Amino acid sequence: MMALILSKNLSATLLVLTSFHSFNRLPPYFYYARAAFKLYMLCGCLLIFDGVRRSSFSVEAVQTVWLWNYCLGLPLISAEICVTAGHLSQFTNVHIILPIYTVLSYHFAPEYVDAYLLGLSHVFSLSCVTILSFTTDNVACIAFAIVYYFAQFRYCGIGVAVLDCH
């Protein structure tokens, strides 16, 4: 049990450090990506707090921020990639509309949450990132898409809603 707690705290610390590093390296006009990295840092900080002092508040806060990260992290970063690359920039708002709808539905009308719609939004975001990686000769975009896919869908698999799994 102690090893599990240590592992969670170590991974949360790494999340905070890598997010902070990425956030600081981005220019101030990268609004979407900076917002995503702020969310990742917040989630990491709450995970560390939860590991040190577990309470019902910290568990609920971690679940809420994790949901925000899951819904908005990839779409914000992929929207930034679209804007920065100059291609597919007309789809920037499409990346963000469905995740925001999911977050708002989750908090105000949980009966209308459609995890498959959010999954479709993430597939769209991953597809745009992958297409842009070929058009801009940026291999890092493909690596990002592959890592994100395995990080997010490792537990539930394709076709099973992640919001239903957690």
Protein backbone atom coordinates (compact mmCIF):
# COMPACT_ATOMS: atom_id res chain seq x y z
CA MET A 1 0.00 0.00 0.00
CA MET A 2 2.84 2.38 0.82
CA ALA A 3 4.42 1.76 -2.59
CA LEU A 4 1.11 2.64 -4.29
CA ILE A 5 0.88 5.93 -2.40
CA LEU A 6 4.52 6.72 -3.18
CA SER A 7 3.95 5.90 -6.87
CA LYS A 8 0.88 8.15 -7.06
CA ASN A 9 2.70 11.03 -5.37
CA LEU A 10 5.70 10.59 -7.66
CA SER A 11 3.54 10.57 -10.79
CA ALA A 12 1.60 13.61 -9.57
CA THR A 13 4.87 15.43 -8.88
CA LEU A 14 6.13 14.59 -12.36
CA LEU A 15 2.83 15.83 -13.81
CA VAL A 16 3.23 19.15 -12.02
CA LEU A 17 6.87 19.53 -13.02
CA THR A 18 6.41 18.67 -16.70
CA SER A 19 3.29 20.81 -16.98
CA PHE A 20 5.04 23.73 -15.30
CA HIS A 21 8.05 23.33 -17.56
CA SER A 22 5.88 23.21 -20.69
CA PHE A 23 3.78 26.14 -19.50
CA ASN A 24 6.87 28.28 -18.91
CA ARG A 25 8.37 27.45 -22.31
CA LEU A 26 5.26 28.54 -24.22
CA PRO A 27 4.97 32.13 -25.42
CA PRO A 28 2.16 34.12 -23.78
CA TYR A 29 0.06 34.17 -26.98
CA PHE A 30 -0.45 30.37 -26.89
CA TYR A 31 -3.68 30.77 -24.94
CA TYR A 32 -5.18 27.33 -25.51
CA ALA A 33 -2.08 25.29 -24.71
CA ARG A 34 -1.24 27.41 -21.66
CA ALA A 35 -4.76 26.83 -20.32
CA ALA A 36 -4.36 23.07 -20.81
CA PHE A 37 -1.05 23.02 -18.96
CA LYS A 38 -2.54 25.07 -16.12
CA LEU A 39 -5.26 22.44 -15.79
CA TYR A 40 -2.65 19.68 -15.73
CA MET A 41 -0.68 21.52 -13.03
CA LEU A 42 -3.80 22.02 -10.94
CA CYS A 43 -4.67 18.34 -11.20
CA GLY A 44 -1.14 17.34 -10.18
CA CYS A 45 -1.18 19.70 -7.20
CA LEU A 46 -4.52 18.34 -6.04
CA LEU A 47 -3.27 14.76 -6.46
CA ILE A 48 -0.25 15.56 -4.27
CA PHE A 49 -2.52 17.20 -1.68
CA ASP A 50 -4.82 14.18 -1.81
CA GLY A 51 -1.87 11.84 -1.31
CA VAL A 52 -0.63 13.78 1.71
CA ARG A 53 -3.95 14.53 3.38
CA ARG A 54 -6.82 12.45 2.08
CA SER A 55 -10.27 13.86 2.78
CA SER A 56 -13.67 13.79 1.12
CA PHE A 57 -13.03 17.31 -0.21
CA SER A 58 -9.72 16.35 -1.82
CA VAL A 59 -11.20 13.22 -3.40
CA GLU A 60 -14.10 15.20 -4.87
CA ALA A 61 -11.79 17.99 -6.04
CA VAL A 62 -9.43 15.52 -7.72
CA GLN A 63 -12.33 13.81 -9.51
CA THR A 64 -13.70 17.14 -10.73
CA VAL A 65 -10.35 18.48 -11.94
CA TRP A 66 -9.49 15.12 -13.53
CA LEU A 67 -12.78 15.30 -15.47
CA TRP A 68 -11.93 18.83 -16.62
CA ASN A 69 -8.46 17.62 -17.65
CA TYR A 70 -9.83 14.67 -19.54
CA CYS A 71 -12.49 16.71 -21.32
CA LEU A 72 -10.47 19.83 -22.11
CA GLY A 73 -6.76 18.91 -22.11
CA LEU A 74 -6.44 17.33 -25.56
CA PRO A 75 -8.92 19.66 -27.29
CA LEU A 76 -7.12 22.75 -25.99
CA ILE A 77 -3.71 21.49 -27.09
CA SER A 78 -4.97 20.33 -30.49
CA ALA A 79 -6.76 23.66 -31.00
CA GLU A 80 -3.47 25.40 -30.32
CA ILE A 81 -1.66 23.14 -32.77
CA CYS A 82 -4.26 24.00 -35.44
CA VAL A 83 -3.94 27.73 -34.81
CA THR A 84 -0.14 27.63 -34.72
CA ALA A 85 0.20 25.51 -37.86
CA GLY A 86 -2.15 27.78 -39.78
CA HIS A 87 -3.89 24.76 -41.30
CA LEU A 88 -7.30 23.65 -40.15
CA SER A 89 -7.57 26.77 -37.98
CA GLN A 90 -11.23 27.06 -38.94
CA PHE A 91 -11.81 23.94 -36.80
CA THR A 92 -10.37 25.49 -33.64
CA ASN A 93 -13.77 26.11 -32.05
CA VAL A 94 -14.98 22.62 -32.95
CA HIS A 95 -12.23 21.18 -30.75
CA ILE A 96 -13.54 23.07 -27.75
CA ILE A 97 -17.34 23.20 -28.11
CA LEU A 98 -18.15 19.54 -27.40
CA PRO A 99 -15.79 19.21 -24.40
CA ILE A 100 -17.20 22.37 -22.83
CA TYR A 101 -20.72 21.02 -23.40
CA THR A 102 -19.67 17.78 -21.67
CA VAL A 103 -18.18 19.59 -18.67
CA LEU A 104 -21.21 21.83 -18.27
CA SER A 105 -23.59 18.91 -18.68
CA TYR A 106 -21.67 16.89 -16.11
CA HIS A 107 -22.02 19.66 -13.52
CA PHE A 108 -25.52 20.95 -14.26
CA ALA A 109 -27.44 18.19 -16.05
CA PRO A 110 -25.67 14.83 -15.61
CA GLU A 111 -28.45 12.97 -17.41
CA TYR A 112 -27.39 14.68 -20.66
CA VAL A 113 -23.73 13.68 -20.50
CA ASP A 114 -22.79 11.76 -23.62
CA ALA A 115 -19.37 10.20 -23.18
CA TYR A 116 -19.43 8.85 -26.74
CA LEU A 117 -19.86 12.38 -28.08
CA LEU A 118 -16.79 13.42 -26.08
CA GLY A 119 -14.93 10.39 -27.44
CA LEU A 120 -15.87 11.46 -30.95
CA SER A 121 -14.53 14.93 -30.17
CA HIS A 122 -11.24 13.43 -28.98
CA VAL A 123 -10.96 11.28 -32.09
CA PHE A 124 -11.49 14.44 -34.17
CA SER A 125 -8.79 16.26 -32.19
CA LEU A 126 -6.35 13.36 -32.52
CA SER A 127 -7.07 13.13 -36.25
CA CYS A 128 -6.40 16.84 -36.75
CA VAL A 129 -3.13 16.60 -34.81
CA THR A 130 -2.06 13.58 -36.86
CA ILE A 131 -2.98 15.25 -40.18
CA LEU A 132 -1.12 18.40 -39.18
CA SER A 133 1.94 16.37 -38.27
CA PHE A 134 2.16 15.18 -41.88
CA THR A 135 1.49 18.59 -43.41
CA THR A 136 3.97 20.45 -41.20
CA ASP A 137 6.65 17.75 -41.02
CA ASN A 138 6.41 17.79 -37.24
CA VAL A 139 6.92 14.28 -35.91
CA ALA A 140 6.25 15.49 -32.35
CA CYS A 141 2.55 15.81 -33.24
CA ILE A 142 2.36 12.11 -34.14
CA ALA A 143 4.18 11.20 -30.93
CA PHE A 144 1.73 13.38 -28.98
CA ALA A 145 -1.26 11.68 -30.61
CA ILE A 146 0.07 8.18 -29.93
CA VAL A 147 1.02 8.91 -26.32
CA TYR A 148 -2.31 10.59 -25.66
CA TYR A 149 -4.23 7.70 -27.17
CA PHE A 150 -2.52 5.12 -24.99
CA ALA A 151 -2.68 7.30 -21.88
CA GLN A 152 -6.40 8.00 -22.13
CA PHE A 153 -7.84 4.84 -23.59
CA ARG A 154 -5.69 2.24 -21.82
CA TYR A 155 -8.32 1.26 -19.25
CA CYS A 156 -11.52 1.34 -21.19
CA GLY A 157 -10.58 0.62 -24.74
CA ILE A 158 -12.16 1.97 -27.89
CA GLY A 159 -15.92 2.19 -27.86
CA VAL A 160 -16.31 2.21 -24.08
CA ALA A 161 -16.95 5.60 -22.58
CA VAL A 162 -14.19 6.75 -20.26
CA LEU A 163 -16.66 8.83 -18.27
CA ASP A 164 -18.60 5.63 -17.61
CA CYS A 165 -15.45 3.78 -16.53
CA HIS A 166 -14.22 6.20 -13.89
